[in-house]
N, C-alpha and C. Protein backbone atom coordinates (compact mmCIF):
# COMPACT_ATOMS: atom_id res chain seq x y z
N UNK A 1 101.55 91.38 104.76
CA UNK A 1 101.40 92.14 103.55
C UNK A 1 102.33 93.34 103.55
N UNK A 2 102.52 93.99 104.67
CA UNK A 2 103.45 95.12 104.72
C UNK A 2 104.87 94.60 104.79
N UNK A 3 105.77 95.23 104.05
CA UNK A 3 107.12 94.74 103.96
C UNK A 3 108.10 95.90 104.00
N UNK A 4 109.27 95.71 104.66
CA UNK A 4 110.25 96.79 104.70
C UNK A 4 110.89 97.00 103.34
N UNK A 5 111.37 98.18 103.10
CA UNK A 5 111.94 98.57 101.82
C UNK A 5 113.45 98.44 101.82
N UNK A 6 113.97 97.99 100.71
CA UNK A 6 115.41 98.08 100.50
C UNK A 6 115.61 99.04 99.35
N UNK A 7 116.65 99.81 99.42
CA UNK A 7 116.89 100.82 98.38
C UNK A 7 117.37 100.14 97.11
N UNK A 8 116.55 100.22 96.09
CA UNK A 8 116.90 99.75 94.76
C UNK A 8 116.42 100.80 93.78
N UNK A 9 116.88 100.74 92.58
CA UNK A 9 116.47 101.73 91.60
C UNK A 9 114.98 101.59 91.29
N UNK A 10 114.29 102.70 91.17
CA UNK A 10 112.85 102.70 90.94
C UNK A 10 112.48 102.11 89.59
N UNK A 11 113.35 102.16 88.62
CA UNK A 11 113.03 101.70 87.29
C UNK A 11 113.32 100.22 87.08
N UNK A 12 113.65 99.49 88.13
CA UNK A 12 113.96 98.08 87.96
C UNK A 12 112.69 97.31 87.64
N UNK A 13 112.80 96.24 86.85
CA UNK A 13 111.61 95.46 86.52
C UNK A 13 111.10 94.71 87.73
N UNK A 14 109.83 94.32 87.69
CA UNK A 14 109.24 93.59 88.79
C UNK A 14 109.65 92.13 88.73
N UNK A 15 110.29 91.66 89.77
CA UNK A 15 110.63 90.25 89.92
C UNK A 15 110.53 89.94 91.40
N UNK A 16 109.62 89.03 91.78
CA UNK A 16 109.56 88.74 93.21
C UNK A 16 110.83 88.07 93.68
N UNK A 17 111.43 88.63 94.70
CA UNK A 17 112.61 88.05 95.29
C UNK A 17 112.61 88.42 96.76
N UNK A 18 112.47 87.43 97.60
CA UNK A 18 112.38 87.71 99.01
C UNK A 18 113.45 86.93 99.75
N UNK A 19 113.92 87.48 100.84
CA UNK A 19 114.86 86.77 101.70
C UNK A 19 114.48 87.00 103.14
N UNK A 20 114.94 86.15 103.99
CA UNK A 20 114.60 86.23 105.39
C UNK A 20 115.71 86.98 106.12
N UNK A 21 115.34 87.94 106.94
CA UNK A 21 116.32 88.73 107.69
C UNK A 21 116.49 88.15 109.09
N UNK A 22 117.66 87.64 109.39
CA UNK A 22 118.01 87.14 110.73
C UNK A 22 116.95 86.21 111.30
N UNK A 23 116.35 85.39 110.46
CA UNK A 23 115.38 84.41 110.93
C UNK A 23 114.03 84.99 111.26
N UNK A 24 113.82 86.28 111.04
CA UNK A 24 112.54 86.90 111.32
C UNK A 24 111.56 86.73 110.19
N UNK A 25 110.43 87.41 110.27
CA UNK A 25 109.41 87.27 109.25
C UNK A 25 109.41 88.44 108.27
N UNK A 26 110.42 89.28 108.31
CA UNK A 26 110.51 90.42 107.41
C UNK A 26 110.95 89.98 106.03
N UNK A 27 110.41 90.61 105.01
CA UNK A 27 110.83 90.34 103.64
C UNK A 27 111.54 91.56 103.11
N UNK A 28 112.49 91.31 102.24
CA UNK A 28 113.21 92.39 101.58
C UNK A 28 112.77 92.42 100.14
N UNK A 29 112.42 93.58 99.65
CA UNK A 29 111.96 93.72 98.28
C UNK A 29 113.13 94.08 97.38
N UNK A 30 113.43 93.21 96.45
CA UNK A 30 114.51 93.44 95.51
C UNK A 30 113.95 93.45 94.10
N UNK A 31 114.54 94.28 93.25
CA UNK A 31 114.14 94.34 91.85
C UNK A 31 112.64 94.55 91.68
N UNK A 32 112.10 95.49 92.42
CA UNK A 32 110.68 95.78 92.37
C UNK A 32 110.46 97.19 91.83
N UNK A 33 109.25 97.44 91.39
CA UNK A 33 108.88 98.77 90.95
C UNK A 33 108.20 99.47 92.13
N UNK A 34 108.68 100.66 92.46
CA UNK A 34 108.15 101.43 93.58
C UNK A 34 107.47 102.68 93.04
N UNK A 35 106.34 103.01 93.66
CA UNK A 35 105.58 104.20 93.30
C UNK A 35 105.42 105.07 94.53
N UNK A 36 105.31 106.38 94.28
CA UNK A 36 105.13 107.34 95.37
C UNK A 36 103.80 108.05 95.19
N UNK A 37 103.06 108.17 96.27
CA UNK A 37 101.82 108.94 96.25
C UNK A 37 102.18 110.41 96.08
N UNK A 38 101.60 111.05 95.10
CA UNK A 38 101.89 112.47 94.84
C UNK A 38 101.29 113.38 95.91
N UNK A 39 100.30 112.89 96.63
CA UNK A 39 99.65 113.71 97.66
C UNK A 39 100.44 113.75 98.96
N UNK A 40 100.89 112.58 99.44
CA UNK A 40 101.51 112.53 100.77
C UNK A 40 102.94 112.00 100.76
N UNK A 41 103.41 111.45 99.64
CA UNK A 41 104.78 110.98 99.56
C UNK A 41 105.02 109.55 100.03
N UNK A 42 103.96 108.84 100.41
CA UNK A 42 104.11 107.46 100.88
C UNK A 42 104.59 106.58 99.72
N UNK A 43 105.52 105.68 100.01
CA UNK A 43 106.07 104.80 98.98
C UNK A 43 105.35 103.45 99.03
N UNK A 44 104.99 102.96 97.86
CA UNK A 44 104.32 101.66 97.70
C UNK A 44 105.13 100.81 96.73
N UNK A 45 105.02 99.50 96.86
CA UNK A 45 105.61 98.63 95.85
C UNK A 45 104.49 98.03 95.01
N UNK A 46 104.78 97.75 93.75
CA UNK A 46 103.78 97.19 92.85
C UNK A 46 103.78 95.67 93.01
N UNK A 47 102.62 95.14 93.35
CA UNK A 47 102.45 93.69 93.49
C UNK A 47 102.44 93.05 92.11
N UNK A 48 102.88 91.82 92.05
CA UNK A 48 102.75 91.04 90.82
C UNK A 48 101.35 90.42 90.80
N UNK A 49 100.93 89.99 89.63
CA UNK A 49 99.63 89.32 89.50
C UNK A 49 99.61 88.04 90.35
N UNK A 50 100.74 87.37 90.46
CA UNK A 50 100.82 86.16 91.26
C UNK A 50 100.63 86.47 92.74
N UNK A 51 101.22 87.56 93.21
CA UNK A 51 101.05 87.94 94.62
C UNK A 51 99.59 88.30 94.91
N UNK A 52 98.98 89.02 93.99
CA UNK A 52 97.57 89.41 94.18
C UNK A 52 96.68 88.17 94.20
N UNK A 53 96.94 87.23 93.29
CA UNK A 53 96.14 86.00 93.25
C UNK A 53 96.30 85.20 94.54
N UNK A 54 97.51 85.16 95.08
CA UNK A 54 97.75 84.45 96.34
C UNK A 54 96.96 85.10 97.47
N UNK A 55 96.95 86.42 97.53
CA UNK A 55 96.16 87.13 98.54
C UNK A 55 94.68 86.83 98.37
N UNK A 56 94.22 86.84 97.13
CA UNK A 56 92.81 86.56 96.85
C UNK A 56 92.42 85.16 97.33
N UNK A 57 93.29 84.18 97.08
CA UNK A 57 92.99 82.80 97.50
C UNK A 57 92.86 82.69 99.02
N UNK A 58 93.66 83.46 99.74
CA UNK A 58 93.58 83.42 101.21
C UNK A 58 92.22 83.89 101.71
N UNK A 59 91.57 84.76 100.96
CA UNK A 59 90.28 85.30 101.39
C UNK A 59 89.08 84.46 100.97
N UNK A 60 89.27 83.50 100.10
CA UNK A 60 88.14 82.72 99.58
C UNK A 60 87.32 82.09 100.69
N UNK A 61 87.95 81.63 101.74
CA UNK A 61 87.23 80.95 102.82
C UNK A 61 86.27 81.86 103.57
N UNK A 62 86.47 83.18 103.44
CA UNK A 62 85.61 84.13 104.16
C UNK A 62 84.34 84.47 103.41
N UNK A 63 84.23 84.09 102.16
CA UNK A 63 83.03 84.34 101.35
C UNK A 63 82.55 85.79 101.50
N UNK A 64 83.39 86.70 101.06
CA UNK A 64 83.10 88.12 101.18
C UNK A 64 81.85 88.51 100.40
N UNK A 65 81.11 89.43 100.96
CA UNK A 65 79.97 89.99 100.23
C UNK A 65 80.51 90.90 99.12
N UNK A 66 79.64 91.33 98.24
CA UNK A 66 80.06 92.22 97.15
C UNK A 66 80.67 93.51 97.71
N UNK A 67 80.09 94.03 98.77
CA UNK A 67 80.60 95.26 99.39
C UNK A 67 81.97 95.01 100.02
N UNK A 68 82.11 93.92 100.73
CA UNK A 68 83.40 93.59 101.35
C UNK A 68 84.47 93.35 100.28
N UNK A 69 84.10 92.70 99.20
CA UNK A 69 85.05 92.44 98.11
C UNK A 69 85.50 93.75 97.48
N UNK A 70 84.57 94.67 97.31
CA UNK A 70 84.89 95.99 96.74
C UNK A 70 85.89 96.73 97.64
N UNK A 71 85.66 96.70 98.94
CA UNK A 71 86.57 97.34 99.88
C UNK A 71 87.95 96.70 99.84
N UNK A 72 87.99 95.39 99.77
CA UNK A 72 89.26 94.67 99.69
C UNK A 72 90.02 95.08 98.42
N UNK A 73 89.35 95.07 97.29
CA UNK A 73 89.99 95.42 96.02
C UNK A 73 90.45 96.87 96.01
N UNK A 74 89.65 97.77 96.56
CA UNK A 74 90.01 99.19 96.53
C UNK A 74 91.24 99.47 97.38
N UNK A 75 91.49 98.66 98.40
CA UNK A 75 92.67 98.87 99.25
C UNK A 75 93.96 98.74 98.46
N UNK A 76 93.96 97.97 97.38
CA UNK A 76 95.15 97.79 96.55
C UNK A 76 95.25 98.82 95.43
N UNK A 77 94.30 99.73 95.36
CA UNK A 77 94.28 100.72 94.29
C UNK A 77 94.28 102.15 94.83
N UNK A 78 94.74 102.30 96.07
CA UNK A 78 94.82 103.63 96.68
C UNK A 78 95.96 103.67 97.68
N UNK A 79 96.31 104.87 98.06
CA UNK A 79 97.37 105.07 99.04
C UNK A 79 96.87 104.63 100.42
N UNK A 80 97.66 103.84 101.09
CA UNK A 80 97.29 103.40 102.44
C UNK A 80 97.21 104.57 103.40
N UNK A 81 98.07 105.54 103.20
CA UNK A 81 98.17 106.66 104.13
C UNK A 81 97.07 107.70 103.95
N UNK A 82 96.83 108.13 102.70
CA UNK A 82 95.87 109.23 102.49
C UNK A 82 94.70 108.86 101.58
N UNK A 83 94.67 107.64 101.08
CA UNK A 83 93.59 107.11 100.24
C UNK A 83 93.48 107.76 98.86
N UNK A 84 94.54 108.42 98.40
CA UNK A 84 94.55 108.95 97.04
C UNK A 84 94.56 107.78 96.06
N UNK A 85 93.93 107.94 94.90
CA UNK A 85 93.92 106.84 93.93
C UNK A 85 95.32 106.53 93.39
N UNK A 86 95.62 105.25 93.29
CA UNK A 86 96.95 104.81 92.84
C UNK A 86 97.21 105.19 91.39
N UNK A 87 96.18 105.42 90.62
CA UNK A 87 96.36 105.81 89.23
C UNK A 87 97.13 107.11 89.07
N UNK A 88 97.20 107.91 90.11
CA UNK A 88 97.91 109.19 90.05
C UNK A 88 99.30 109.11 90.68
N UNK A 89 99.74 107.93 91.07
CA UNK A 89 101.07 107.79 91.67
C UNK A 89 102.15 108.06 90.64
N UNK A 90 103.31 108.43 91.12
CA UNK A 90 104.49 108.67 90.27
C UNK A 90 105.53 107.61 90.58
N UNK A 91 106.42 107.38 89.63
CA UNK A 91 107.54 106.46 89.88
C UNK A 91 108.36 107.02 91.03
N UNK A 92 108.72 106.16 91.97
CA UNK A 92 109.53 106.60 93.11
C UNK A 92 110.92 106.98 92.64
N UNK A 93 111.40 108.09 93.14
CA UNK A 93 112.75 108.56 92.82
C UNK A 93 113.68 108.15 93.96
N UNK A 94 114.98 108.31 93.74
CA UNK A 94 115.96 107.95 94.77
C UNK A 94 115.67 108.64 96.10
N UNK A 95 115.27 109.91 96.06
CA UNK A 95 115.00 110.63 97.31
C UNK A 95 113.80 110.03 98.04
N UNK A 96 112.80 109.53 97.29
CA UNK A 96 111.65 108.88 97.91
C UNK A 96 112.07 107.58 98.59
N UNK A 97 112.90 106.81 97.88
CA UNK A 97 113.37 105.55 98.44
C UNK A 97 114.25 105.77 99.67
N UNK A 98 115.07 106.80 99.62
CA UNK A 98 115.93 107.12 100.76
C UNK A 98 115.09 107.51 101.98
N UNK A 99 114.04 108.29 101.75
CA UNK A 99 113.16 108.72 102.84
C UNK A 99 112.41 107.53 103.43
N UNK A 100 112.10 106.54 102.61
CA UNK A 100 111.32 105.38 103.07
C UNK A 100 112.19 104.24 103.58
N UNK A 101 113.49 104.33 103.44
CA UNK A 101 114.38 103.24 103.84
C UNK A 101 114.12 102.85 105.29
N UNK A 102 113.92 101.56 105.51
CA UNK A 102 113.68 101.05 106.86
C UNK A 102 112.24 101.14 107.30
N UNK A 103 111.38 101.77 106.53
CA UNK A 103 109.97 101.88 106.88
C UNK A 103 109.19 100.76 106.20
N UNK A 104 107.99 100.55 106.64
CA UNK A 104 107.11 99.60 105.99
C UNK A 104 106.63 100.21 104.68
N UNK A 105 106.69 99.41 103.63
CA UNK A 105 106.23 99.83 102.31
C UNK A 105 105.03 98.95 101.98
N UNK A 106 103.95 99.55 101.54
CA UNK A 106 102.72 98.81 101.32
C UNK A 106 102.49 98.52 99.84
N UNK A 107 101.76 97.44 99.56
CA UNK A 107 101.55 97.05 98.17
C UNK A 107 100.41 97.80 97.50
N UNK A 108 100.53 97.93 96.19
CA UNK A 108 99.43 98.36 95.34
C UNK A 108 99.41 97.42 94.14
N UNK A 109 98.23 97.26 93.56
CA UNK A 109 98.08 96.43 92.37
C UNK A 109 97.51 97.34 91.29
N UNK A 110 98.36 97.75 90.37
CA UNK A 110 97.98 98.75 89.38
C UNK A 110 98.36 98.28 87.98
N UNK A 111 97.79 98.95 86.99
CA UNK A 111 98.15 98.69 85.60
C UNK A 111 99.60 99.09 85.37
N UNK A 112 100.23 98.50 84.39
CA UNK A 112 101.64 98.70 84.11
C UNK A 112 102.03 100.12 83.80
N UNK A 113 101.12 100.92 83.26
CA UNK A 113 101.48 102.29 82.88
C UNK A 113 101.43 103.27 84.04
N UNK A 114 100.89 102.88 85.18
CA UNK A 114 100.83 103.77 86.33
C UNK A 114 102.27 104.10 86.77
N UNK A 115 102.54 105.36 86.92
CA UNK A 115 103.85 105.81 87.37
C UNK A 115 104.85 106.02 86.25
N UNK A 116 104.41 105.84 85.01
CA UNK A 116 105.33 106.02 83.88
C UNK A 116 105.20 107.39 83.23
N UNK A 117 104.22 108.17 83.65
CA UNK A 117 104.05 109.49 83.04
C UNK A 117 104.34 110.58 84.03
């Protein structure tokens, strides 16, 4: 689920595009929308609905309780680092992407307007 960041413009539309680096299991995120936590500066990428559905299908076999399901869902709606709500994230700027280059970038699943104000 965690994926390294490639520097792309923050305003690019979301299109899943992954490639394999030197035969490893790392994915490169291209043409994605990146958000920055306003509290701690951690950079996240916005998951597509298809990616979220694929993750959800992987968990079906575990038959999560309502509490476990709530915890799972909330993980995609907050900052991994400081747990701030993703609804308050800002669009990542070039300086945010530069600071995060080469680091693991974590996913969030948010409404389309998050990070536009």
